[in-house]
Amino acid sequence: MRNKGENNIKSGKTKRNKKIKKVISIIEYIVIFLVIFVNGILIFKSAQNPNKTPALFGKKAFVIISGSMIPKINIGDVVILNDTNDVHVGDIIGFRRNSTVVVHRIIKEMLVDEKVMYQTKGDNNDIPDIDLVDNSTIEGVLIAKIPFIGKILIWLYNNLAIVIVVIIVILILKYYFFS
């Protein structure tokens, strides 16, 4: 036979476990809401101006997929750009070239047809970029980099990985909403 003290201890642990699970559940819902909210804002901004990458709090993030800026920036690094067109020689900038954003260093500023243009070059490249960059295509100036995180994001772009992530998300949602 159990005494009343043991039952009270077990009852207290059960109540504490339920509270912990409830707090964790609330935190998960807040995180999911924030992710959906931020993505909604970015999608809305992207629809407003499809030729620019949407900024959040004046910052933009890009995953580096080429080695043109090694050793300063490596493949798989995430770069954070400050959304500005105020650039100078020596700055590392992100600029739009067709549907791609290129991250290179400004090596020269020049006036072409009374318009300021910039010549850029990847630190790891032997020659400067052929095309000049004007302010309208600049996405921003490098303010930080996060090493290696982009490798995970690059991996997620793989179709098989996307299917796996979607299945996991569906299972998690099913567990929380239908259990």
Protein backbone atom coordinates (compact mmCIF):
# COMPACT_ATOMS: atom_id res chain seq x y z
CA MET A 1 0.00 0.00 0.00
CA ARG A 2 1.14 3.49 -0.76
CA ASN A 3 0.93 6.16 1.81
CA LYS A 4 -0.54 9.62 1.25
CA GLY A 5 2.90 11.23 1.09
CA GLU A 6 3.94 9.19 -1.96
CA ASN A 7 0.68 10.00 -3.76
CA ASN A 8 1.13 13.72 -3.07
CA ILE A 9 4.70 13.64 -4.43
CA LYS A 10 3.58 11.84 -7.63
CA SER A 11 0.63 14.22 -7.99
CA GLY A 12 2.99 17.21 -7.64
CA LYS A 13 5.36 15.83 -10.27
CA THR A 14 2.48 15.19 -12.66
CA LYS A 15 1.17 18.75 -12.24
CA ARG A 16 4.67 20.15 -12.75
CA ASN A 17 5.17 18.03 -15.90
CA LYS A 18 1.83 19.25 -17.28
CA LYS A 19 2.84 22.88 -16.62
CA ILE A 20 6.20 22.37 -18.31
CA LYS A 21 4.53 20.76 -21.34
CA LYS A 22 2.04 23.63 -21.52
CA VAL A 23 4.83 26.26 -21.37
CA ILE A 24 6.80 24.42 -24.07
CA SER A 25 3.67 24.19 -26.20
CA ILE A 26 3.02 27.93 -25.83
CA ILE A 27 6.63 28.72 -26.79
CA GLU A 28 6.34 26.47 -29.86
CA TYR A 29 3.14 28.24 -30.96
CA ILE A 30 4.80 31.64 -30.51
CA VAL A 31 7.80 30.56 -32.59
CA ILE A 32 5.56 29.11 -35.33
CA PHE A 33 3.46 32.30 -35.34
CA LEU A 34 6.58 34.50 -35.60
CA VAL A 35 8.00 32.43 -38.46
CA ILE A 36 4.71 32.63 -40.35
CA PHE A 37 4.38 36.36 -39.60
CA VAL A 38 7.93 37.19 -40.75
CA ASN A 39 7.53 35.09 -43.90
CA GLY A 40 4.24 36.85 -44.62
CA ILE A 41 5.94 40.24 -44.35
CA LEU A 42 8.78 39.13 -46.64
CA ILE A 43 6.34 37.70 -49.21
CA PHE A 44 4.30 40.93 -49.16
CA LYS A 45 7.43 43.08 -49.61
CA SER A 46 8.64 40.81 -52.39
CA ALA A 47 5.34 41.15 -54.23
CA GLN A 48 5.53 44.96 -53.94
CA ASN A 49 9.02 45.15 -55.44
CA PRO A 50 9.98 41.93 -57.27
CA ASN A 51 13.32 43.33 -58.45
CA LYS A 52 14.69 43.74 -54.91
CA THR A 53 15.23 41.26 -52.13
CA PRO A 54 12.93 42.14 -49.22
CA ALA A 55 14.65 43.49 -46.11
CA LEU A 56 13.68 42.84 -42.52
CA PHE A 57 14.65 45.67 -40.16
CA GLY A 58 16.87 47.02 -42.93
CA LYS A 59 18.89 43.80 -43.20
CA LYS A 60 19.05 41.17 -45.94
CA ALA A 61 20.57 37.70 -45.78
CA PHE A 62 22.09 35.67 -48.60
CA VAL A 63 23.77 32.27 -48.80
CA ILE A 64 27.10 32.29 -50.64
CA ILE A 65 27.29 29.57 -53.31
CA SER A 66 30.54 30.44 -55.07
CA GLY A 67 34.15 30.82 -54.02
CA SER A 68 34.76 34.22 -55.60
CA MET A 69 35.26 35.94 -52.22
CA ILE A 70 37.46 33.33 -50.51
CA PRO A 71 39.14 33.73 -47.97
CA LYS A 72 36.96 36.61 -46.67
CA ILE A 73 33.68 34.81 -47.44
CA ASN A 74 33.45 31.06 -48.03
CA ILE A 75 30.94 28.85 -49.80
CA GLY A 76 28.12 28.13 -47.37
CA ASP A 77 28.51 31.33 -45.34
CA VAL A 78 25.44 33.48 -44.81
CA VAL A 79 26.12 37.17 -45.38
CA ILE A 80 24.07 39.93 -43.81
CA LEU A 81 23.76 43.11 -45.85
CA ASN A 82 22.63 46.50 -44.63
CA ASP A 83 19.95 47.71 -47.06
CA THR A 84 21.67 50.84 -48.36
CA ASN A 85 22.96 52.36 -51.58
CA ASP A 86 25.57 54.46 -49.74
CA VAL A 87 28.63 52.56 -50.91
CA HIS A 88 32.33 53.32 -51.27
CA VAL A 89 35.42 51.81 -52.85
CA GLY A 90 36.54 48.88 -50.72
CA ASP A 91 33.02 47.97 -49.54
CA ILE A 92 31.75 44.45 -50.11
CA ILE A 93 28.33 44.78 -51.66
CA GLY A 94 25.54 42.57 -52.88
CA PHE A 95 24.12 43.55 -56.24
CA ARG A 96 21.54 42.05 -58.52
CA ARG A 97 22.71 40.59 -61.79
CA ASN A 98 19.56 39.36 -63.57
CA SER A 99 17.89 37.04 -61.04
CA THR A 100 21.08 36.40 -59.05
CA VAL A 101 22.62 38.41 -56.25
CA VAL A 102 26.41 38.67 -56.51
CA VAL A 103 28.56 39.59 -53.50
CA HIS A 104 31.82 41.28 -54.55
CA ARG A 105 34.07 44.15 -53.50
CA ILE A 106 33.93 47.60 -55.10
CA ILE A 107 37.36 48.31 -56.57
CA LYS A 108 36.63 51.47 -58.56
CA GLU A 109 34.05 54.25 -58.79
CA MET A 110 33.59 56.01 -62.12
CA LEU A 111 31.26 58.39 -63.91
CA VAL A 112 29.64 56.94 -67.06
CA ASP A 113 27.17 59.12 -68.98
CA GLU A 114 26.86 61.37 -65.91
CA LYS A 115 25.88 58.36 -63.78
CA VAL A 116 27.98 56.93 -60.94
CA MET A 117 28.95 53.32 -61.69
CA TYR A 118 31.05 50.84 -59.75
CA GLN A 119 33.52 48.25 -60.91
CA THR A 120 33.53 45.15 -58.72
CA LYS A 121 35.74 42.11 -58.30
CA GLY A 122 35.64 38.96 -56.26
CA ASP A 123 38.65 38.82 -53.91
CA ASN A 124 39.47 35.35 -55.24
CA ASN A 125 39.03 36.31 -58.91
CA ASP A 126 41.96 37.29 -61.14
CA ILE A 127 40.11 39.94 -63.14
CA PRO A 128 37.40 42.50 -62.35
CA ASP A 129 33.77 41.90 -63.30
CA ILE A 130 33.02 42.91 -66.88
CA ASP A 131 29.69 44.60 -66.17
CA LEU A 132 29.58 47.79 -64.13
CA VAL A 133 27.15 48.16 -61.22
CA ASP A 134 24.82 51.09 -60.71
CA ASN A 135 22.99 52.07 -57.52
CA SER A 136 19.64 50.71 -58.70
CA THR A 137 20.95 47.13 -58.60
CA ILE A 138 22.72 47.32 -55.23
CA GLU A 139 21.07 45.20 -52.52
CA GLY A 140 23.29 46.42 -49.68
CA VAL A 141 26.67 46.52 -47.96
CA LEU A 142 28.16 43.61 -46.02
CA ILE A 143 27.90 44.08 -42.25
CA ALA A 144 28.36 40.49 -41.02
CA LYS A 145 28.79 36.88 -42.02
CA ILE A 146 27.69 33.70 -40.33
CA PRO A 147 30.01 30.82 -41.24
CA PHE A 148 28.72 27.40 -42.36
CA ILE A 149 24.98 28.00 -41.68
CA GLY A 150 24.37 28.36 -45.39
CA LYS A 151 25.58 24.81 -46.00
CA ILE A 152 22.49 23.58 -44.16
CA LEU A 153 20.30 25.85 -46.27
CA ILE A 154 22.02 24.71 -49.47
CA TRP A 155 21.36 21.11 -48.42
CA LEU A 156 17.69 21.95 -47.83
CA TYR A 157 17.38 23.17 -51.41
CA ASN A 158 17.89 19.60 -52.50
CA ASN A 159 14.46 18.19 -53.55
CA LEU A 160 14.74 15.08 -51.41
CA ALA A 161 15.59 17.16 -48.36
CA ILE A 162 12.58 19.41 -48.99
CA VAL A 163 10.26 16.40 -49.13
CA ILE A 164 11.70 15.07 -45.87
CA VAL A 165 11.30 18.47 -44.15
CA VAL A 166 7.69 18.77 -45.36
CA ILE A 167 6.88 15.28 -44.07
CA ILE A 168 8.43 16.06 -40.69
CA VAL A 169 6.49 19.34 -40.43
CA ILE A 170 3.24 17.54 -41.32
CA LEU A 171 3.91 14.89 -38.68
CA ILE A 172 4.65 17.52 -36.04
CA LEU A 173 1.50 19.47 -36.91
CA LYS A 174 -0.55 16.27 -36.87
CA TYR A 175 0.85 15.37 -33.46
CA TYR A 176 0.08 18.78 -31.93
CA PHE A 177 -3.29 19.46 -33.53
CA PHE A 178 -4.80 15.99 -33.72
CA SER A 179 -3.50 14.17 -30.65
